[in-house]
Amino acid sequence: MAELNVSVVSADHEVWAGTASSVVARTTEGEIGFLPGHEPVLAILGAGQVRITLPSGEKLVANAEDGFVSVEHDTVTVVARAASLV
Protein backbone atom coordinates (compact mmCIF):
# COMPACT_ATOMS: atom_id res chain seq x y z
CA MET A 1 0.00 0.00 0.00
CA ALA A 2 1.29 3.45 -0.90
CA GLU A 3 2.20 5.84 1.89
CA LEU A 4 2.87 9.53 2.34
CA ASN A 5 6.15 10.89 3.65
CA VAL A 6 5.14 13.60 6.10
CA SER A 7 7.10 16.33 7.85
CA VAL A 8 5.62 18.89 10.25
CA VAL A 9 8.08 21.70 10.92
CA SER A 10 7.83 24.68 13.27
CA ALA A 11 9.93 27.80 12.87
CA ASP A 12 12.63 26.47 15.19
CA HIS A 13 12.38 22.66 15.09
CA GLU A 14 10.92 19.58 13.43
CA VAL A 15 7.74 18.60 15.26
CA TRP A 16 7.18 15.21 13.62
CA ALA A 17 8.31 13.25 10.58
CA GLY A 18 7.36 9.81 9.33
CA THR A 19 5.03 7.89 7.05
CA ALA A 20 1.26 8.21 7.00
CA SER A 21 -1.73 6.86 5.12
CA SER A 22 -3.53 10.24 5.15
CA VAL A 23 -3.17 13.86 6.25
CA VAL A 24 -5.91 16.46 6.81
CA ALA A 25 -4.94 20.13 7.23
CA ARG A 26 -6.90 23.34 7.75
CA THR A 27 -6.12 25.97 5.14
CA THR A 28 -7.46 29.48 4.70
CA GLU A 29 -9.92 27.98 2.18
CA GLY A 30 -11.10 25.16 4.50
CA GLU A 31 -9.95 21.65 5.32
CA ILE A 32 -8.17 19.57 2.71
CA GLY A 33 -7.22 15.91 2.87
CA PHE A 34 -4.30 14.18 1.21
CA LEU A 35 -3.90 10.52 0.25
CA PRO A 36 -1.08 8.84 -1.67
CA GLY A 37 -1.16 9.89 -5.33
CA HIS A 38 -2.60 13.35 -4.60
CA GLU A 39 -1.97 16.06 -7.17
CA PRO A 40 0.63 18.72 -6.23
CA VAL A 41 -0.75 21.40 -3.90
CA LEU A 42 0.60 24.50 -2.20
CA ALA A 43 -1.84 26.08 0.28
CA ILE A 44 -1.72 28.63 3.09
CA LEU A 45 -2.40 27.16 6.53
CA GLY A 46 -5.23 28.48 8.62
CA ALA A 47 -4.99 28.23 12.41
CA GLY A 48 -6.11 24.75 13.39
CA GLN A 49 -5.19 21.12 13.46
CA VAL A 50 -3.21 18.90 11.15
CA ARG A 51 -4.53 15.34 11.55
CA ILE A 52 -2.20 12.52 10.53
CA THR A 53 -3.29 8.90 10.22
CA LEU A 54 -0.38 6.48 10.47
CA PRO A 55 -0.27 3.25 8.42
CA SER A 56 -1.12 1.35 11.65
CA GLY A 57 -4.34 3.38 12.01
CA GLU A 58 -3.01 5.40 14.95
CA LYS A 59 -3.84 9.11 14.73
CA LEU A 60 -1.61 12.08 15.55
CA VAL A 61 -2.80 15.66 15.88
CA ALA A 62 -0.67 18.79 15.66
CA ASN A 63 -1.76 22.39 16.13
CA ALA A 64 -0.27 24.59 13.42
CA GLU A 65 -0.67 28.20 12.35
CA ASP A 66 0.84 30.81 10.06
CA GLY A 67 2.52 28.77 7.36
CA PHE A 68 1.83 26.54 4.39
CA VAL A 69 1.28 22.95 3.37
CA SER A 70 2.97 21.53 0.28
CA VAL A 71 2.23 18.21 -1.42
CA GLU A 72 4.27 16.71 -4.23
CA HIS A 73 5.24 13.13 -5.15
CA ASP A 74 3.59 11.62 -2.02
CA THR A 75 5.52 14.02 0.22
CA VAL A 76 3.51 16.30 2.52
CA THR A 77 5.38 19.14 4.18
CA VAL A 78 3.72 21.38 6.76
CA VAL A 79 5.75 24.48 7.63
CA ALA A 80 4.33 26.68 10.38
CA ARG A 81 5.45 29.62 12.48
CA ALA A 82 4.12 27.71 15.48
CA ALA A 83 3.37 23.98 15.60
CA SER A 84 3.16 21.38 18.33
CA LEU A 85 1.79 17.88 18.82
CA VAL A 86 -1.39 17.70 20.87
PDB file of N, CA and C in Angstrom:
ATOM      1  N   MET A   1       0.834  -1.181   0.000  1.00  0.00           N
ATOM      2  CA  MET A   1       0.000   0.000   0.000  1.00  0.00           C
ATOM      3  C   MET A   1       0.878   1.242   0.000  1.00  0.00           C
ATOM      4  N   ALA A   2       0.513   2.206  -0.807  1.00  0.00           N
ATOM      5  CA  ALA A   2       1.287   3.451  -0.904  1.00  0.00           C
ATOM      6  C   ALA A   2       1.154   4.265   0.380  1.00  0.00           C
ATOM      7  N   GLU A   3       2.186   5.012   0.680  1.00  0.00           N
ATOM      8  CA  GLU A   3       2.199   5.840   1.887  1.00  0.00           C
ATOM      9  C   GLU A   3       2.683   7.240   1.542  1.00  0.00           C
ATOM     10  N   LEU A   4       2.390   8.158   2.444  1.00  0.00           N
ATOM     11  CA  LEU A   4       2.873   9.529   2.338  1.00  0.00           C
ATOM     12  C   LEU A   4       4.085   9.700   3.237  1.00  0.00           C
ATOM     13  N   ASN A   5       5.049  10.466   2.792  1.00  0.00           N
ATOM     14  CA  ASN A   5       6.154  10.892   3.650  1.00  0.00           C
ATOM     15  C   ASN A   5       5.770  12.264   4.177  1.00  0.00           C
ATOM     16  N   VAL A   6       5.676  12.390   5.489  1.00  0.00           N
ATOM     17  CA  VAL A   6       5.140  13.605   6.096  1.00  0.00           C
ATOM     18  C   VAL A   6       6.176  14.242   7.009  1.00  0.00           C
ATOM     19  N   SER A   7       6.241  15.566   6.952  1.00  0.00           N
ATOM     20  CA  SER A   7       7.101  16.334   7.845  1.00  0.00           C
ATOM     21  C   SER A   7       6.310  17.550   8.326  1.00  0.00           C
ATOM     22  N   VAL A   8       6.243  17.716   9.645  1.00  0.00           N
ATOM     23  CA  VAL A   8       5.622  18.891  10.249  1.00  0.00           C
ATOM     24  C   VAL A   8       6.739  19.669  10.927  1.00  0.00           C
ATOM     25  N   VAL A   9       6.939  20.907  10.467  1.00  0.00           N
ATOM     26  CA  VAL A   9       8.076  21.702  10.919  1.00  0.00           C
ATOM     27  C   VAL A   9       7.584  23.030  11.484  1.00  0.00           C
ATOM     28  N   SER A  10       8.085  23.373  12.673  1.00  0.00           N
ATOM     29  CA  SER A  10       7.827  24.676  13.270  1.00  0.00           C
ATOM     30  C   SER A  10       8.992  25.588  12.892  1.00  0.00           C
ATOM     31  N   ALA A  11       8.887  26.851  13.242  1.00  0.00           N
ATOM     32  CA  ALA A  11       9.935  27.804  12.873  1.00  0.00           C
ATOM     33  C   ALA A  11      11.305  27.411  13.415  1.00  0.00           C
ATOM     34  N   ASP A  12      11.336  26.752  14.573  1.00  0.00           N
ATOM     35  CA  ASP A  12      12.632  26.469  15.190  1.00  0.00           C
ATOM     36  C   ASP A  12      12.968  24.990  15.364  1.00  0.00           C
ATOM     37  N   HIS A  13      12.048  24.076  14.973  1.00  0.00           N
ATOM     38  CA  HIS A  13      12.377  22.658  15.094  1.00  0.00           C
ATOM     39  C   HIS A  13      11.394  21.784  14.306  1.00  0.00           C
ATOM     40  N   GLU A  14      11.808  20.542  14.064  1.00  0.00           N
ATOM     41  CA  GLU A  14      10.920  19.582  13.426  1.00  0.00           C
ATOM     42  C   GLU A  14      10.013  18.992  14.500  1.00  0.00           C
ATOM     43  N   VAL A  15       8.707  19.083  14.296  1.00  0.00           N
ATOM     44  CA  VAL A  15       7.735  18.605  15.262  1.00  0.00           C
ATOM     45  C   VAL A  15       7.517  17.104  15.121  1.00  0.00           C
ATOM     46  N   TRP A  16       7.375  16.636  13.874  1.00  0.00           N
ATOM     47  CA  TRP A  16       7.176  15.210  13.621  1.00  0.00           C
ATOM     48  C   TRP A  16       7.511  14.907  12.169  1.00  0.00           C
ATOM     49  N   ALA A  17       8.051  13.718  11.938  1.00  0.00           N
ATOM     50  CA  ALA A  17       8.310  13.249  10.578  1.00  0.00           C
ATOM     51  C   ALA A  17       8.126  11.740  10.556  1.00  0.00           C
ATOM     52  N   GLY A  18       7.555  11.243   9.460  1.00  0.00           N
ATOM     53  CA  GLY A  18       7.362   9.808   9.327  1.00  0.00           C
ATOM     54  C   GLY A  18       6.447   9.513   8.166  1.00  0.00           C
ATOM     55  N   THR A  19       5.945   8.272   8.117  1.00  0.00           N
ATOM     56  CA  THR A  19       5.032   7.889   7.050  1.00  0.00           C
ATOM     57  C   THR A  19       3.600   7.901   7.560  1.00  0.00           C
ATOM     58  N   ALA A  20       2.676   8.135   6.642  1.00  0.00           N
ATOM     59  CA  ALA A  20       1.264   8.205   6.996  1.00  0.00           C
ATOM     60  C   ALA A  20       0.424   7.675   5.845  1.00  0.00           C
ATOM     61  N   SER A  21      -0.795   7.282   6.170  1.00  0.00           N
ATOM     62  CA  SER A  21      -1.730   6.861   5.121  1.00  0.00           C
ATOM     63  C   SER A  21      -2.602   8.024   4.671  1.00  0.00           C
ATOM     64  N   SER A  22      -2.780   9.048   5.540  1.00  0.00           N
ATOM     65  CA  SER A  22      -3.533  10.244   5.146  1.00  0.00           C
ATOM     66  C   SER A  22      -3.163  11.418   6.036  1.00  0.00           C
ATOM     67  N   VAL A  23      -3.403  12.617   5.516  1.00  0.00           N
ATOM     68  CA  VAL A  23      -3.175  13.864   6.252  1.00  0.00           C
ATOM     69  C   VAL A  23      -4.339  14.799   5.941  1.00  0.00           C
ATOM     70  N   VAL A  24      -4.865  15.443   6.981  1.00  0.00           N
ATOM     71  CA  VAL A  24      -5.905  16.460   6.806  1.00  0.00           C
ATOM     72  C   VAL A  24      -5.394  17.735   7.452  1.00  0.00           C
ATOM     73  N   ALA A  25      -5.438  18.848   6.718  1.00  0.00           N
ATOM     74  CA  ALA A  25      -4.941  20.129   7.226  1.00  0.00           C
ATOM     75  C   ALA A  25      -5.990  21.213   7.008  1.00  0.00           C
ATOM     76  N   ARG A  26      -6.015  22.192   7.907  1.00  0.00           N
ATOM     77  CA  ARG A  26      -6.903  23.336   7.754  1.00  0.00           C
ATOM     78  C   ARG A  26      -6.139  24.431   7.022  1.00  0.00           C
ATOM     79  N   THR A  27      -6.719  24.879   5.908  1.00  0.00           N
ATOM     80  CA  THR A  27      -6.124  25.973   5.145  1.00  0.00           C
ATOM     81  C   THR A  27      -7.041  27.188   5.255  1.00  0.00           C
ATOM     82  N   THR A  28      -6.623  28.282   4.668  1.00  0.00           N
ATOM     83  CA  THR A  28      -7.455  29.483   4.696  1.00  0.00           C
ATOM     84  C   THR A  28      -8.724  29.297   3.868  1.00  0.00           C
ATOM     85  N   GLU A  29      -8.755  28.275   3.010  1.00  0.00           N
ATOM     86  CA  GLU A  29      -9.924  27.980   2.178  1.00  0.00           C
ATOM     87  C   GLU A  29     -10.797  26.877   2.766  1.00  0.00           C
ATOM     88  N   GLY A  30     -10.380  26.277   3.890  1.00  0.00           N
ATOM     89  CA  GLY A  30     -11.104  25.161   4.500  1.00  0.00           C
ATOM     90  C   GLY A  30     -10.190  23.959   4.652  1.00  0.00           C
ATOM     91  N   GLU A  31     -10.751  22.853   5.130  1.00  0.00           N
ATOM     92  CA  GLU A  31      -9.954  21.650   5.320  1.00  0.00           C
ATOM     93  C   GLU A  31      -9.698  20.952   3.992  1.00  0.00           C
ATOM     94  N   ILE A  32      -8.522  20.339   3.903  1.00  0.00           N
ATOM     95  CA  ILE A  32      -8.173  19.570   2.710  1.00  0.00           C
ATOM     96  C   ILE A  32      -7.474  18.293   3.173  1.00  0.00           C
ATOM     97  N   GLY A  33      -7.812  17.194   2.534  1.00  0.00           N
ATOM     98  CA  GLY A  33      -7.221  15.906   2.872  1.00  0.00           C
ATOM     99  C   GLY A  33      -6.308  15.419   1.765  1.00  0.00           C
ATOM    100  N   PHE A  34      -5.278  14.697   2.162  1.00  0.00           N
ATOM    101  CA  PHE A  34      -4.298  14.177   1.212  1.00  0.00           C
ATOM    102  C   PHE A  34      -4.137  12.678   1.404  1.00  0.00           C
ATOM    103  N   LEU A  35      -4.160  11.952   0.302  1.00  0.00           N
ATOM    104  CA  LEU A  35      -3.898  10.519   0.248  1.00  0.00           C
ATOM    105  C   LEU A  35      -2.761  10.287  -0.731  1.00  0.00           C
ATOM    106  N   PRO A  36      -2.123   9.125  -0.683  1.00  0.00           N
ATOM    107  CA  PRO A  36      -1.082   8.844  -1.672  1.00  0.00           C
ATOM    108  C   PRO A  36      -1.612   9.049  -3.092  1.00  0.00           C
ATOM    109  N   GLY A  37      -0.787   9.636  -3.948  1.00  0.00           N
ATOM    110  CA  GLY A  37      -1.163   9.895  -5.328  1.00  0.00           C
ATOM    111  C   GLY A  37      -1.837  11.237  -5.543  1.00  0.00           C
ATOM    112  N   HIS A  38      -1.939  12.049  -4.484  1.00  0.00           N
ATOM    113  CA  HIS A  38      -2.604  13.354  -4.603  1.00  0.00           C
ATOM    114  C   HIS A  38      -1.835  14.258  -5.557  1.00  0.00           C
ATOM    115  N   GLU A  39      -2.579  15.068  -6.288  1.00  0.00           N
ATOM    116  CA  GLU A  39      -1.968  16.061  -7.174  1.00  0.00           C
ATOM    117  C   GLU A  39      -1.152  17.063  -6.362  1.00  0.00           C
ATOM    118  N   PRO A  40      -0.143  17.697  -6.947  1.00  0.00           N
ATOM    119  CA  PRO A  40       0.632  18.715  -6.227  1.00  0.00           C
ATOM    120  C   PRO A  40      -0.262  19.862  -5.751  1.00  0.00           C
ATOM    121  N   VAL A  41       0.017  20.321  -4.531  1.00  0.00           N
ATOM    122  CA  VAL A  41      -0.752  21.403  -3.902  1.00  0.00           C
ATOM    123  C   VAL A  41       0.200  22.273  -3.102  1.00  0.00           C
ATOM    124  N   LEU A  42      -0.067  23.564  -3.104  1.00  0.00           N
ATOM    125  CA  LEU A  42       0.597  24.504  -2.199  1.00  0.00           C
ATOM    126  C   LEU A  42      -0.521  25.378  -1.649  1.00  0.00           C
ATOM    127  N   ALA A  43      -0.733  25.345  -0.323  1.00  0.00           N
ATOM    128  CA  ALA A  43      -1.844  26.077   0.279  1.00  0.00           C
ATOM    129  C   ALA A  43      -1.378  26.769   1.558  1.00  0.00           C
ATOM    130  N   ILE A  44      -2.018  27.881   1.873  1.00  0.00           N
ATOM    131  CA  ILE A  44      -1.718  28.635   3.094  1.00  0.00           C
ATOM    132  C   ILE A  44      -2.479  28.006   4.250  1.00  0.00           C
ATOM    133  N   LEU A  45      -1.764  27.733   5.348  1.00  0.00           N
ATOM    134  CA  LEU A  45      -2.398  27.157   6.527  1.00  0.00           C
ATOM    135  C   LEU A  45      -3.284  28.181   7.215  1.00  0.00           C
ATOM    136  N   GLY A  46      -4.423  27.717   7.687  1.00  0.00           N
ATOM    137  CA  GLY A  46      -5.230  28.482   8.619  1.00  0.00           C
ATOM    138  C   GLY A  46      -4.910  27.956  10.007  1.00  0.00           C
ATOM    139  N   ALA A  47      -5.218  28.712  11.042  1.00  0.00           N
ATOM    140  CA  ALA A  47      -4.987  28.232  12.407  1.00  0.00           C
ATOM    141  C   ALA A  47      -5.882  27.023  12.636  1.00  0.00           C
ATOM    142  N   GLY A  48      -5.315  25.953  13.126  1.00  0.00           N
ATOM    143  CA  GLY A  48      -6.109  24.753  13.387  1.00  0.00           C
ATOM    144  C   GLY A  48      -5.242  23.527  13.480  1.00  0.00           C
ATOM    145  N   GLN A  49      -5.870  22.392  13.289  1.00  0.00           N
ATOM    146  CA  GLN A  49      -5.193  21.122  13.460  1.00  0.00           C
ATOM    147  C   GLN A  49      -4.756  20.510  12.135  1.00  0.00           C
ATOM    148  N   VAL A  50      -3.655  19.787  12.218  1.00  0.00           N
ATOM    149  CA  VAL A  50      -3.212  18.900  11.146  1.00  0.00           C
ATOM    150  C   VAL A  50      -3.394  17.497  11.710  1.00  0.00           C
ATOM    151  N   ARG A  51      -4.246  16.696  11.069  1.00  0.00           N
ATOM    152  CA  ARG A  51      -4.528  15.344  11.545  1.00  0.00           C
ATOM    153  C   ARG A  51      -3.826  14.341  10.644  1.00  0.00           C
ATOM    154  N   ILE A  52      -3.011  13.492  11.257  1.00  0.00           N
ATOM    155  CA  ILE A  52      -2.196  12.521  10.531  1.00  0.00           C
ATOM    156  C   ILE A  52      -2.634  11.119  10.934  1.00  0.00           C
ATOM    157  N   THR A  53      -2.958  10.296   9.953  1.00  0.00           N
ATOM    158  CA  THR A  53      -3.290   8.901  10.223  1.00  0.00           C
ATOM    159  C   THR A  53      -2.103   8.048   9.789  1.00  0.00           C
ATOM    160  N   LEU A  54      -1.541   7.330  10.740  1.00  0.00           N
ATOM    161  CA  LEU A  54      -0.382   6.478  10.469  1.00  0.00           C
ATOM    162  C   LEU A  54      -0.826   5.203   9.768  1.00  0.00           C
ATOM    163  N   PRO A  55       0.090   4.500   9.094  1.00  0.00           N
ATOM    164  CA  PRO A  55      -0.269   3.248   8.421  1.00  0.00           C
ATOM    165  C   PRO A  55      -0.894   2.220   9.375  1.00  0.00           C
ATOM    166  N   SER A  56      -0.557   2.275  10.653  1.00  0.00           N
ATOM    167  CA  SER A  56      -1.117   1.351  11.648  1.00  0.00           C
ATOM    168  C   SER A  56      -2.545   1.715  12.042  1.00  0.00           C
ATOM    169  N   GLY A  57      -3.009   2.911  11.626  1.00  0.00           N
ATOM    170  CA  GLY A  57      -4.338   3.381  12.015  1.00  0.00           C
ATOM    171  C   GLY A  57      -4.308   4.367  13.169  1.00  0.00           C
ATOM    172  N   GLU A  58      -3.161   4.441  13.852  1.00  0.00           N
ATOM    173  CA  GLU A  58      -3.011   5.403  14.948  1.00  0.00           C
ATOM    174  C   GLU A  58      -3.121   6.817  14.385  1.00  0.00           C
ATOM    175  N   LYS A  59      -3.660   7.731  15.184  1.00  0.00           N
ATOM    176  CA  LYS A  59      -3.840   9.109  14.729  1.00  0.00           C
ATOM    177  C   LYS A  59      -2.997  10.060  15.573  1.00  0.00           C
ATOM    178  N   LEU A  60      -2.365  11.011  14.898  1.00  0.00           N
ATOM    179  CA  LEU A  60      -1.608  12.077  15.547  1.00  0.00           C
ATOM    180  C   LEU A  60      -2.274  13.398  15.195  1.00  0.00           C
ATOM    181  N   VAL A  61      -2.234  14.337  16.126  1.00  0.00           N
ATOM    182  CA  VAL A  61      -2.798  15.664  15.879  1.00  0.00           C
ATOM    183  C   VAL A  61      -1.757  16.703  16.268  1.00  0.00           C
ATOM    184  N   ALA A  62      -1.566  17.680  15.379  1.00  0.00           N
ATOM    185  CA  ALA A  62      -0.665  18.794  15.662  1.00  0.00           C
ATOM    186  C   ALA A  62      -1.440  20.087  15.457  1.00  0.00           C
ATOM    187  N   ASN A  63      -1.231  21.042  16.340  1.00  0.00           N
ATOM    188  CA  ASN A  63      -1.755  22.387  16.127  1.00  0.00           C
ATOM    189  C   ASN A  63      -0.725  23.126  15.296  1.00  0.00           C
ATOM    190  N   ALA A  64      -1.189  23.846  14.286  1.00  0.00           N
ATOM    191  CA  ALA A  64      -0.272  24.586  13.418  1.00  0.00           C
ATOM    192  C   ALA A  64      -0.938  25.874  12.969  1.00  0.00           C
ATOM    193  N   GLU A  65      -0.131  26.930  12.842  1.00  0.00           N
ATOM    194  CA  GLU A  65      -0.673  28.200  12.352  1.00  0.00           C
ATOM    195  C   GLU A  65       0.406  29.008  11.655  1.00  0.00           C
ATOM    196  N   ASP A  66      -0.046  29.897  10.777  1.00  0.00           N
ATOM    197  CA  ASP A  66       0.836  30.811  10.056  1.00  0.00           C
ATOM    198  C   ASP A  66       1.929  30.085   9.284  1.00  0.00           C
ATOM    199  N   GLY A  67       1.545  29.467   8.195  1.00  0.00           N
ATOM    200  CA  GLY A  67       2.517  28.769   7.365  1.00  0.00           C
ATOM    201  C   GLY A  67       1.867  28.249   6.105  1.00  0.00           C
ATOM    202  N   PHE A  68       2.381  27.121   5.614  1.00  0.00           N
ATOM    203  CA  PHE A  68       1.834  26.539   4.392  1.00  0.00           C
ATOM    204  C   PHE A  68       1.949  25.032   4.440  1.00  0.00           C
ATOM    205  N   VAL A  69       1.188  24.383   3.564  1.00  0.00           N
ATOM    206  CA  VAL A  69       1.284  22.946   3.369  1.00  0.00           C
ATOM    207  C   VAL A  69       1.592  22.719   1.892  1.00  0.00           C
ATOM    208  N   SER A  70       2.547  21.841   1.647  1.00  0.00           N
ATOM    209  CA  SER A  70       2.970  21.529   0.283  1.00  0.00           C
ATOM    210  C   SER A  70       2.860  20.022   0.079  1.00  0.00           C
ATOM    211  N   VAL A  71       2.343  19.625  -1.078  1.00  0.00           N
ATOM    212  CA  VAL A  71       2.234  18.210  -1.419  1.00  0.00           C
ATOM    213  C   VAL A  71       2.798  18.010  -2.819  1.00  0.00           C
ATOM    214  N   GLU A  72       3.714  17.048  -2.929  1.00  0.00           N
ATOM    215  CA  GLU A  72       4.273  16.708  -4.228  1.00  0.00           C
ATOM    216  C   GLU A  72       4.937  15.345  -4.125  1.00  0.00           C
ATOM    217  N   HIS A  73       4.648  14.466  -5.078  1.00  0.00           N
ATOM    218  CA  HIS A  73       5.243  13.127  -5.152  1.00  0.00           C
ATOM    219  C   HIS A  73       5.108  12.356  -3.837  1.00  0.00           C
ATOM    220  N   ASP A  74       3.892  12.327  -3.275  1.00  0.00           N
ATOM    221  CA  ASP A  74       3.592  11.617  -2.023  1.00  0.00           C
ATOM    222  C   ASP A  74       4.401  12.125  -0.839  1.00  0.00           C
ATOM    223  N   THR A  75       4.830  13.374  -0.903  1.00  0.00           N
ATOM    224  CA  THR A  75       5.515  14.024   0.218  1.00  0.00           C
ATOM    225  C   THR A  75       4.678  15.215   0.659  1.00  0.00           C
ATOM    226  N   VAL A  76       4.293  15.205   1.937  1.00  0.00           N
ATOM    227  CA  VAL A  76       3.505  16.296   2.518  1.00  0.00           C
ATOM    228  C   VAL A  76       4.407  17.024   3.502  1.00  0.00           C
ATOM    229  N   THR A  77       4.571  18.324   3.285  1.00  0.00           N
ATOM    230  CA  THR A  77       5.382  19.140   4.178  1.00  0.00           C
ATOM    231  C   THR A  77       4.507  20.258   4.736  1.00  0.00           C
ATOM    232  N   VAL A  78       4.448  20.321   6.067  1.00  0.00           N
ATOM    233  CA  VAL A  78       3.716  21.378   6.757  1.00  0.00           C
ATOM    234  C   VAL A  78       4.757  22.254   7.438  1.00  0.00           C
ATOM    235  N   VAL A  79       4.807  23.522   7.037  1.00  0.00           N
ATOM    236  CA  VAL A  79       5.748  24.475   7.630  1.00  0.00           C
ATOM    237  C   VAL A  79       4.922  25.565   8.308  1.00  0.00           C
ATOM    238  N   ALA A  80       5.123  25.731   9.613  1.00  0.00           N
ATOM    239  CA  ALA A  80       4.325  26.681  10.380  1.00  0.00           C
ATOM    240  C   ALA A  80       5.208  27.548  11.272  1.00  0.00           C
ATOM    241  N   ARG A  81       4.742  28.755  11.520  1.00  0.00           N
ATOM    242  CA  ARG A  81       5.450  29.616  12.478  1.00  0.00           C
ATOM    243  C   ARG A  81       5.427  28.969  13.849  1.00  0.00           C
ATOM    244  N   ALA A  82       4.266  28.404  14.204  1.00  0.00           N
ATOM    245  CA  ALA A  82       4.124  27.713  15.481  1.00  0.00           C
ATOM    246  C   ALA A  82       3.410  26.395  15.244  1.00  0.00           C
ATOM    247  N   ALA A  83       3.988  25.310  15.736  1.00  0.00           N
ATOM    248  CA  ALA A  83       3.369  23.983  15.600  1.00  0.00           C
ATOM    249  C   ALA A  83       3.784  23.132  16.788  1.00  0.00           C
ATOM    250  N   SER A  84       2.859  22.297  17.238  1.00  0.00           N
ATOM    251  CA  SER A  84       3.157  21.379  18.329  1.00  0.00           C
ATOM    252  C   SER A  84       2.193  20.214  18.285  1.00  0.00           C
ATOM    253  N   LEU A  85       2.662  19.033  18.732  1.00  0.00           N
ATOM    254  CA  LEU A  85       1.792  17.877  18.820  1.00  0.00           C
ATOM    255  C   LEU A  85       0.833  18.062  19.989  1.00  0.00           C
ATOM    256  N   VAL A  86      -0.383  17.598  19.807  1.00  0.00           N
ATOM    257  CA  VAL A  86      -1.394  17.696  20.873  1.00  0.00           C
ATOM    258  C   VAL A  86      -1.361  16.436  21.689  1.00  0.00           C
TER     259      VAL A  86
END
